[in-house]
């Protein structure tokens, strides 16, 4: 029974993760010269959503740190999670006037989260399901591509 629930949880995790890429694609698809779609600034939506997802990932870093609270990496992981989360806040502050800068700051934040997770996984192992590492890599690539396309499409 536990294996069945674990399989369902992993499937849901994957679905939710990949569906999380859809808002990035929708925002990019609606970018126009004035960045408005039905009166909403799509560049601001893109960066706000990006900041929210980046903050969510920083929360996952907290769980990594708490799972190994007695290890020397716990303290730096907690600090980095907060610094990266502040990068997400910066993205919202500078949007949409500095859209390209916001995209770069967000992308750097995503790469930092991915690197911190890789360092943690290599040093301490992985308490998450085995599919999590692959999913996180796929999602990070998807988010990176979205940010690169958004940057390239900005005028």
N, C-alpha and C. Protein backbone atom coordinates (compact mmCIF):
# COMPACT_ATOMS: atom_id res chain seq x y z
N UNK A 1 0.81 -1.19 0.00
CA UNK A 1 0.00 0.00 0.00
C UNK A 1 0.86 1.26 0.00
N UNK A 2 1.93 1.24 0.78
CA UNK A 2 2.80 2.41 0.86
C UNK A 2 3.47 2.68 -0.50
N UNK A 3 3.86 1.63 -1.22
CA UNK A 3 4.48 1.79 -2.52
C UNK A 3 3.52 2.44 -3.51
N UNK A 4 2.24 2.06 -3.44
CA UNK A 4 1.22 2.62 -4.32
C UNK A 4 1.05 4.12 -4.05
N UNK A 5 1.02 4.49 -2.78
CA UNK A 5 0.89 5.91 -2.43
C UNK A 5 2.13 6.69 -2.87
N UNK A 6 3.28 6.08 -2.71
CA UNK A 6 4.52 6.73 -3.14
C UNK A 6 4.52 6.96 -4.64
N UNK A 7 4.05 5.99 -5.40
CA UNK A 7 3.97 6.12 -6.85
C UNK A 7 3.01 7.24 -7.23
N UNK A 8 1.87 7.31 -6.55
CA UNK A 8 0.90 8.37 -6.81
C UNK A 8 1.49 9.74 -6.48
N UNK A 9 2.21 9.84 -5.39
CA UNK A 9 2.81 11.10 -4.98
C UNK A 9 3.86 11.55 -5.99
N UNK A 10 4.69 10.62 -6.43
CA UNK A 10 5.72 10.95 -7.42
C UNK A 10 5.09 11.38 -8.73
N UNK A 11 4.02 10.70 -9.15
CA UNK A 11 3.32 11.08 -10.39
C UNK A 11 2.73 12.48 -10.25
N UNK A 12 2.12 12.77 -9.11
CA UNK A 12 1.55 14.10 -8.89
C UNK A 12 2.65 15.16 -8.87
N UNK A 13 3.76 14.86 -8.22
CA UNK A 13 4.91 15.76 -8.16
C UNK A 13 5.37 16.09 -9.58
N UNK A 14 5.44 15.11 -10.44
CA UNK A 14 5.88 15.33 -11.82
C UNK A 14 4.88 16.18 -12.58
N UNK A 15 3.60 15.83 -12.48
CA UNK A 15 2.56 16.59 -13.17
C UNK A 15 2.57 18.05 -12.73
N UNK A 16 2.59 18.28 -11.43
CA UNK A 16 2.58 19.65 -10.93
C UNK A 16 3.83 20.41 -11.35
N UNK A 17 4.96 19.72 -11.33
CA UNK A 17 6.20 20.37 -11.76
C UNK A 17 6.15 20.82 -13.20
N UNK A 18 5.76 19.91 -14.09
CA UNK A 18 5.71 20.26 -15.51
C UNK A 18 4.60 21.27 -15.81
N UNK A 19 3.47 21.16 -15.12
CA UNK A 19 2.41 22.15 -15.30
C UNK A 19 2.86 23.54 -14.84
N UNK A 20 3.80 23.56 -13.92
CA UNK A 20 4.34 24.82 -13.45
C UNK A 20 5.10 25.59 -14.51
N UNK A 21 5.47 24.92 -15.59
CA UNK A 21 6.14 25.61 -16.71
C UNK A 21 5.14 26.34 -17.60
N UNK A 22 3.88 25.94 -17.55
CA UNK A 22 2.86 26.51 -18.44
C UNK A 22 2.70 28.03 -18.28
N UNK A 23 2.62 28.57 -17.06
CA UNK A 23 2.50 30.03 -16.94
C UNK A 23 3.66 30.79 -17.59
N UNK A 24 4.87 30.25 -17.53
CA UNK A 24 5.99 30.89 -18.22
C UNK A 24 5.71 30.95 -19.72
N UNK A 25 5.29 29.83 -20.29
CA UNK A 25 5.02 29.77 -21.73
C UNK A 25 3.87 30.69 -22.12
N UNK A 26 2.81 30.72 -21.31
CA UNK A 26 1.67 31.59 -21.61
C UNK A 26 2.07 33.07 -21.59
N UNK A 27 2.86 33.44 -20.62
CA UNK A 27 3.31 34.84 -20.57
C UNK A 27 4.15 35.18 -21.80
N UNK A 28 5.08 34.31 -22.14
CA UNK A 28 5.92 34.56 -23.32
C UNK A 28 5.07 34.63 -24.58
N UNK A 29 4.09 33.76 -24.69
CA UNK A 29 3.23 33.73 -25.89
C UNK A 29 2.42 35.01 -26.02
N UNK A 30 2.19 35.71 -24.93
CA UNK A 30 1.37 36.92 -24.98
C UNK A 30 2.20 38.20 -24.95
N UNK A 31 3.53 38.06 -24.98
CA UNK A 31 4.36 39.27 -25.04
C UNK A 31 4.04 40.02 -26.33
N UNK A 32 3.83 41.31 -26.20
CA UNK A 32 3.63 42.17 -27.36
C UNK A 32 4.60 43.34 -27.24
N UNK A 33 4.58 44.21 -28.22
CA UNK A 33 5.49 45.35 -28.20
C UNK A 33 5.30 46.20 -26.95
N UNK A 34 4.06 46.34 -26.49
CA UNK A 34 3.83 47.12 -25.27
C UNK A 34 3.67 46.23 -24.04
N UNK A 35 3.85 44.93 -24.21
CA UNK A 35 3.84 43.94 -23.11
C UNK A 35 2.51 43.84 -22.38
N UNK A 36 1.43 44.25 -23.02
CA UNK A 36 0.11 44.15 -22.40
C UNK A 36 -0.73 43.09 -23.08
N UNK A 37 -1.48 42.38 -22.27
CA UNK A 37 -2.47 41.43 -22.78
C UNK A 37 -3.72 41.63 -21.95
N UNK A 38 -4.77 42.12 -22.59
CA UNK A 38 -6.03 42.39 -21.90
C UNK A 38 -5.80 43.32 -20.70
N UNK A 39 -4.93 44.31 -20.89
CA UNK A 39 -4.68 45.30 -19.86
C UNK A 39 -3.72 44.89 -18.76
N UNK A 40 -3.13 43.72 -18.89
CA UNK A 40 -2.19 43.23 -17.86
C UNK A 40 -0.79 43.19 -18.47
N UNK A 41 0.16 43.70 -17.75
CA UNK A 41 1.55 43.69 -18.21
C UNK A 41 2.09 42.27 -18.10
N UNK A 42 2.30 41.63 -19.24
CA UNK A 42 2.72 40.22 -19.24
C UNK A 42 4.17 40.05 -18.78
N UNK A 43 4.96 41.07 -18.94
CA UNK A 43 6.35 40.97 -18.44
C UNK A 43 6.36 40.97 -16.92
N UNK A 44 5.51 41.82 -16.34
CA UNK A 44 5.40 41.82 -14.88
C UNK A 44 4.87 40.48 -14.39
N UNK A 45 3.87 39.92 -15.07
CA UNK A 45 3.34 38.60 -14.70
C UNK A 45 4.44 37.53 -14.76
N UNK A 46 5.23 37.57 -15.83
CA UNK A 46 6.31 36.60 -16.00
C UNK A 46 7.28 36.69 -14.82
N UNK A 47 7.73 37.90 -14.51
CA UNK A 47 8.72 38.06 -13.44
C UNK A 47 8.13 37.78 -12.06
N UNK A 48 6.87 38.16 -11.84
CA UNK A 48 6.24 37.88 -10.55
C UNK A 48 6.10 36.37 -10.35
N UNK A 49 5.65 35.67 -11.39
CA UNK A 49 5.53 34.21 -11.29
C UNK A 49 6.90 33.59 -11.07
N UNK A 50 7.89 34.08 -11.78
CA UNK A 50 9.24 33.56 -11.61
C UNK A 50 9.73 33.74 -10.18
N UNK A 51 9.48 34.91 -9.62
CA UNK A 51 9.90 35.17 -8.23
C UNK A 51 9.19 34.26 -7.25
N UNK A 52 7.91 34.00 -7.50
CA UNK A 52 7.16 33.11 -6.61
C UNK A 52 7.73 31.69 -6.66
N UNK A 53 7.99 31.20 -7.86
CA UNK A 53 8.54 29.85 -8.00
C UNK A 53 9.94 29.78 -7.40
N UNK A 54 10.73 30.82 -7.60
CA UNK A 54 12.07 30.85 -7.01
C UNK A 54 11.98 30.81 -5.49
N UNK A 55 11.05 31.54 -4.91
CA UNK A 55 10.86 31.51 -3.46
C UNK A 55 10.42 30.14 -2.98
N UNK A 56 9.54 29.51 -3.74
CA UNK A 56 9.09 28.15 -3.42
C UNK A 56 10.30 27.19 -3.37
N UNK A 57 11.18 27.30 -4.35
CA UNK A 57 12.37 26.44 -4.38
C UNK A 57 13.29 26.73 -3.19
N UNK A 58 13.34 27.97 -2.77
CA UNK A 58 14.13 28.30 -1.58
C UNK A 58 13.57 27.62 -0.34
N UNK A 59 12.25 27.47 -0.30
CA UNK A 59 11.63 26.73 0.80
C UNK A 59 12.05 25.26 0.79
N UNK A 60 12.23 24.72 -0.40
CA UNK A 60 12.71 23.33 -0.50
C UNK A 60 14.14 23.24 0.04
N UNK A 61 14.95 24.28 -0.21
CA UNK A 61 16.30 24.29 0.36
C UNK A 61 16.26 24.25 1.88
N UNK A 62 15.26 24.90 2.47
CA UNK A 62 15.10 24.84 3.94
C UNK A 62 14.91 23.40 4.38
N UNK A 63 14.09 22.64 3.65
CA UNK A 63 13.87 21.25 4.05
C UNK A 63 15.16 20.44 3.93
N UNK A 64 15.98 20.76 2.93
CA UNK A 64 17.28 20.10 2.82
C UNK A 64 18.12 20.40 4.07
N UNK A 65 18.16 21.67 4.44
CA UNK A 65 18.97 22.07 5.60
C UNK A 65 18.43 21.46 6.89
N UNK A 66 17.13 21.45 7.06
CA UNK A 66 16.55 20.91 8.29
C UNK A 66 16.72 19.40 8.40
N UNK A 67 16.72 18.72 7.26
CA UNK A 67 16.90 17.26 7.28
C UNK A 67 18.30 16.89 7.77
N UNK A 68 19.24 17.81 7.63
CA UNK A 68 20.63 17.56 8.05
C UNK A 68 21.09 18.70 8.95
N UNK A 69 20.27 19.05 9.92
CA UNK A 69 20.51 20.22 10.77
C UNK A 69 21.85 20.18 11.49
N UNK A 70 22.39 19.01 11.76
CA UNK A 70 23.66 18.93 12.49
C UNK A 70 24.87 18.94 11.56
N UNK A 71 24.66 18.92 10.26
CA UNK A 71 25.78 18.92 9.32
C UNK A 71 26.26 20.35 9.06
N UNK A 72 27.55 20.50 8.77
CA UNK A 72 28.12 21.83 8.55
C UNK A 72 27.53 22.55 7.34
N UNK A 73 26.94 21.85 6.40
CA UNK A 73 26.33 22.48 5.23
C UNK A 73 24.96 23.09 5.53
N UNK A 74 24.35 22.71 6.63
CA UNK A 74 23.01 23.20 6.96
C UNK A 74 22.97 24.72 7.06
N UNK A 75 23.91 25.31 7.76
CA UNK A 75 23.94 26.76 7.95
C UNK A 75 24.10 27.50 6.62
N UNK A 76 25.08 27.14 5.77
CA UNK A 76 25.20 27.83 4.48
C UNK A 76 23.98 27.63 3.57
N UNK A 77 23.37 26.47 3.62
CA UNK A 77 22.17 26.24 2.80
C UNK A 77 21.05 27.18 3.25
N UNK A 78 20.86 27.32 4.55
CA UNK A 78 19.83 28.24 5.06
C UNK A 78 20.13 29.69 4.64
N UNK A 79 21.37 30.11 4.76
CA UNK A 79 21.73 31.47 4.36
C UNK A 79 21.51 31.68 2.87
N UNK A 80 21.98 30.73 2.08
CA UNK A 80 21.82 30.86 0.63
C UNK A 80 20.35 30.87 0.23
N UNK A 81 19.54 30.06 0.89
CA UNK A 81 18.11 30.04 0.55
C UNK A 81 17.49 31.40 0.77
N UNK A 82 17.89 32.09 1.82
CA UNK A 82 17.35 33.42 2.09
C UNK A 82 17.89 34.46 1.11
N UNK A 83 19.16 34.37 0.78
CA UNK A 83 19.73 35.31 -0.19
C UNK A 83 19.09 35.14 -1.57
N UNK A 84 18.88 33.90 -1.98
CA UNK A 84 18.25 33.64 -3.28
C UNK A 84 16.80 34.12 -3.26
N UNK A 85 16.12 33.92 -2.16
CA UNK A 85 14.74 34.40 -2.03
C UNK A 85 14.70 35.92 -2.15
N UNK A 86 15.67 36.60 -1.59
CA UNK A 86 15.75 38.06 -1.73
C UNK A 86 16.01 38.46 -3.17
N UNK A 87 16.72 37.61 -3.91
CA UNK A 87 16.90 37.86 -5.34
C UNK A 87 15.54 37.85 -6.04
N UNK A 88 14.67 36.95 -5.64
CA UNK A 88 13.32 36.89 -6.20
C UNK A 88 12.55 38.16 -5.90
N UNK A 89 12.72 38.69 -4.71
CA UNK A 89 12.07 39.95 -4.34
C UNK A 89 12.61 41.09 -5.20
N UNK A 90 13.92 41.10 -5.42
CA UNK A 90 14.54 42.10 -6.27
C UNK A 90 13.96 42.05 -7.68
N UNK A 91 13.71 40.85 -8.18
CA UNK A 91 13.13 40.69 -9.51
C UNK A 91 11.79 41.43 -9.60
N UNK A 92 10.97 41.33 -8.57
CA UNK A 92 9.67 42.01 -8.58
C UNK A 92 9.85 43.52 -8.48
N UNK A 93 10.80 43.96 -7.68
CA UNK A 93 11.02 45.40 -7.50
C UNK A 93 11.45 46.06 -8.81
N UNK A 94 12.30 45.41 -9.58
CA UNK A 94 12.83 46.03 -10.79
C UNK A 94 11.96 45.78 -12.02
N UNK A 95 10.91 44.99 -11.87
CA UNK A 95 10.02 44.70 -13.00
C UNK A 95 8.94 45.77 -13.08
N UNK A 96 8.41 46.07 -14.23
CA UNK A 96 8.83 45.69 -15.57
C UNK A 96 9.81 46.67 -16.20
N UNK A 97 10.15 47.77 -15.48
CA UNK A 97 11.04 48.78 -16.06
C UNK A 97 12.39 48.20 -16.48
N UNK A 98 12.89 47.28 -15.73
CA UNK A 98 14.18 46.64 -16.03
C UNK A 98 13.96 45.16 -16.30
N UNK A 99 13.10 44.87 -17.26
CA UNK A 99 12.67 43.50 -17.51
C UNK A 99 13.86 42.56 -17.78
N UNK A 100 14.74 42.94 -18.66
CA UNK A 100 15.86 42.05 -19.01
C UNK A 100 16.74 41.79 -17.79
N UNK A 101 16.99 42.81 -16.99
CA UNK A 101 17.78 42.61 -15.76
C UNK A 101 17.05 41.67 -14.81
N UNK A 102 15.73 41.84 -14.69
CA UNK A 102 14.94 40.95 -13.84
C UNK A 102 15.02 39.51 -14.30
N UNK A 103 14.98 39.30 -15.61
CA UNK A 103 15.07 37.95 -16.16
C UNK A 103 16.43 37.34 -15.82
N UNK A 104 17.49 38.12 -15.95
CA UNK A 104 18.84 37.61 -15.65
C UNK A 104 18.97 37.29 -14.16
N UNK A 105 18.49 38.19 -13.31
CA UNK A 105 18.57 37.96 -11.85
C UNK A 105 17.80 36.69 -11.48
N UNK A 106 16.61 36.53 -12.04
CA UNK A 106 15.81 35.32 -11.75
C UNK A 106 16.54 34.07 -12.23
N UNK A 107 17.07 34.12 -13.43
CA UNK A 107 17.77 32.96 -13.98
C UNK A 107 18.98 32.59 -13.12
N UNK A 108 19.71 33.58 -12.68
CA UNK A 108 20.85 33.32 -11.78
C UNK A 108 20.35 32.67 -10.49
N UNK A 109 19.21 33.13 -9.99
CA UNK A 109 18.64 32.52 -8.79
C UNK A 109 18.31 31.05 -8.98
N UNK A 110 17.70 30.72 -10.12
CA UNK A 110 17.37 29.32 -10.41
C UNK A 110 18.63 28.45 -10.51
N UNK A 111 19.63 28.98 -11.16
CA UNK A 111 20.89 28.22 -11.28
C UNK A 111 21.52 28.03 -9.90
N UNK A 112 21.47 29.07 -9.07
CA UNK A 112 22.01 28.95 -7.70
C UNK A 112 21.28 27.88 -6.89
N UNK A 113 19.96 27.86 -6.95
CA UNK A 113 19.20 26.83 -6.22
C UNK A 113 19.60 25.45 -6.71
N UNK A 114 19.69 25.30 -8.02
CA UNK A 114 20.04 24.00 -8.60
C UNK A 114 21.44 23.58 -8.14
N UNK A 115 22.39 24.52 -8.15
CA UNK A 115 23.75 24.20 -7.71
C UNK A 115 23.80 23.85 -6.22
N UNK A 116 23.09 24.59 -5.39
CA UNK A 116 23.06 24.29 -3.95
C UNK A 116 22.50 22.89 -3.74
N UNK A 117 21.42 22.55 -4.46
CA UNK A 117 20.86 21.20 -4.33
C UNK A 117 21.87 20.14 -4.78
N UNK A 118 22.58 20.38 -5.87
CA UNK A 118 23.57 19.41 -6.35
C UNK A 118 24.68 19.22 -5.33
N UNK A 119 25.18 20.33 -4.77
CA UNK A 119 26.24 20.26 -3.76
C UNK A 119 25.75 19.47 -2.56
N UNK A 120 24.55 19.77 -2.11
CA UNK A 120 23.97 19.08 -0.96
C UNK A 120 23.81 17.60 -1.25
N UNK A 121 23.27 17.27 -2.44
CA UNK A 121 23.05 15.86 -2.79
C UNK A 121 24.37 15.10 -2.87
N UNK A 122 25.39 15.73 -3.43
CA UNK A 122 26.69 15.06 -3.54
C UNK A 122 27.35 14.87 -2.18
N UNK A 123 27.14 15.82 -1.27
CA UNK A 123 27.78 15.74 0.04
C UNK A 123 27.01 14.88 1.03
N UNK A 124 25.68 14.91 0.95
CA UNK A 124 24.88 14.29 2.00
C UNK A 124 23.93 13.20 1.52
N UNK A 125 23.79 13.05 0.24
CA UNK A 125 22.82 12.08 -0.26
C UNK A 125 21.48 12.73 -0.47
N UNK A 126 20.50 11.90 -0.77
CA UNK A 126 19.18 12.41 -1.16
C UNK A 126 18.10 11.69 -0.38
N UNK A 127 17.37 12.47 0.44
CA UNK A 127 16.26 11.88 1.20
C UNK A 127 14.95 11.95 0.42
N UNK A 128 14.98 12.60 -0.74
CA UNK A 128 13.79 12.72 -1.58
C UNK A 128 13.70 11.52 -2.52
N UNK A 129 12.52 11.30 -3.14
CA UNK A 129 12.40 10.18 -4.08
C UNK A 129 13.44 10.30 -5.20
N UNK A 130 13.87 9.14 -5.72
CA UNK A 130 14.95 9.15 -6.72
C UNK A 130 14.58 9.93 -7.97
N UNK A 131 13.31 10.00 -8.31
CA UNK A 131 12.88 10.74 -9.49
C UNK A 131 12.97 12.25 -9.30
N UNK A 132 13.10 12.70 -8.06
CA UNK A 132 13.13 14.14 -7.77
C UNK A 132 14.33 14.81 -8.45
N UNK A 133 15.50 14.22 -8.36
CA UNK A 133 16.71 14.82 -8.93
C UNK A 133 16.56 15.03 -10.43
N UNK A 134 16.05 14.04 -11.13
CA UNK A 134 15.84 14.16 -12.58
C UNK A 134 14.78 15.20 -12.88
N UNK A 135 13.68 15.17 -12.15
CA UNK A 135 12.62 16.14 -12.35
C UNK A 135 13.13 17.56 -12.14
N UNK A 136 13.87 17.79 -11.07
CA UNK A 136 14.41 19.13 -10.80
C UNK A 136 15.34 19.59 -11.92
N UNK A 137 16.14 18.69 -12.45
CA UNK A 137 17.02 19.06 -13.56
C UNK A 137 16.20 19.43 -14.80
N UNK A 138 15.19 18.63 -15.12
CA UNK A 138 14.32 18.92 -16.27
C UNK A 138 13.62 20.26 -16.09
N UNK A 139 13.07 20.49 -14.92
CA UNK A 139 12.35 21.73 -14.67
C UNK A 139 13.28 22.94 -14.71
N UNK A 140 14.49 22.78 -14.18
CA UNK A 140 15.45 23.88 -14.22
C UNK A 140 15.81 24.22 -15.65
N UNK A 141 16.00 23.21 -16.48
CA UNK A 141 16.28 23.46 -17.90
C UNK A 141 15.08 24.17 -18.55
N UNK A 142 13.86 23.70 -18.26
CA UNK A 142 12.66 24.33 -18.81
C UNK A 142 12.54 25.79 -18.41
N UNK A 143 12.78 26.07 -17.14
CA UNK A 143 12.72 27.44 -16.64
C UNK A 143 13.83 28.29 -17.27
N UNK A 144 15.01 27.72 -17.39
CA UNK A 144 16.12 28.46 -18.01
C UNK A 144 15.80 28.81 -19.46
N UNK A 145 15.26 27.86 -20.20
CA UNK A 145 14.87 28.12 -21.59
C UNK A 145 13.82 29.22 -21.65
N UNK A 146 12.83 29.16 -20.77
CA UNK A 146 11.79 30.20 -20.74
C UNK A 146 12.40 31.57 -20.48
N UNK A 147 13.35 31.65 -19.57
CA UNK A 147 13.98 32.93 -19.25
C UNK A 147 14.85 33.42 -20.41
N UNK A 148 15.52 32.53 -21.07
CA UNK A 148 16.35 32.92 -22.22
C UNK A 148 15.46 33.41 -23.37
N UNK A 149 14.36 32.72 -23.61
CA UNK A 149 13.42 33.15 -24.66
C UNK A 149 12.81 34.50 -24.29
N UNK A 150 12.44 34.68 -23.02
CA UNK A 150 11.87 35.95 -22.58
C UNK A 150 12.88 37.09 -22.73
N UNK A 151 14.13 36.82 -22.38
CA UNK A 151 15.19 37.82 -22.53
C UNK A 151 15.37 38.18 -24.00
N UNK A 152 15.45 37.17 -24.85
CA UNK A 152 15.66 37.40 -26.28
C UNK A 152 14.49 38.12 -26.92
N UNK A 153 13.28 37.88 -26.43
CA UNK A 153 12.09 38.49 -26.99
C UNK A 153 11.80 39.88 -26.49
N UNK A 154 12.53 40.31 -25.46
CA UNK A 154 12.30 41.65 -24.89
C UNK A 154 12.94 42.70 -25.81
N UNK A 155 12.25 43.79 -26.00
CA UNK A 155 12.79 44.88 -26.85
C UNK A 155 13.27 46.00 -25.98
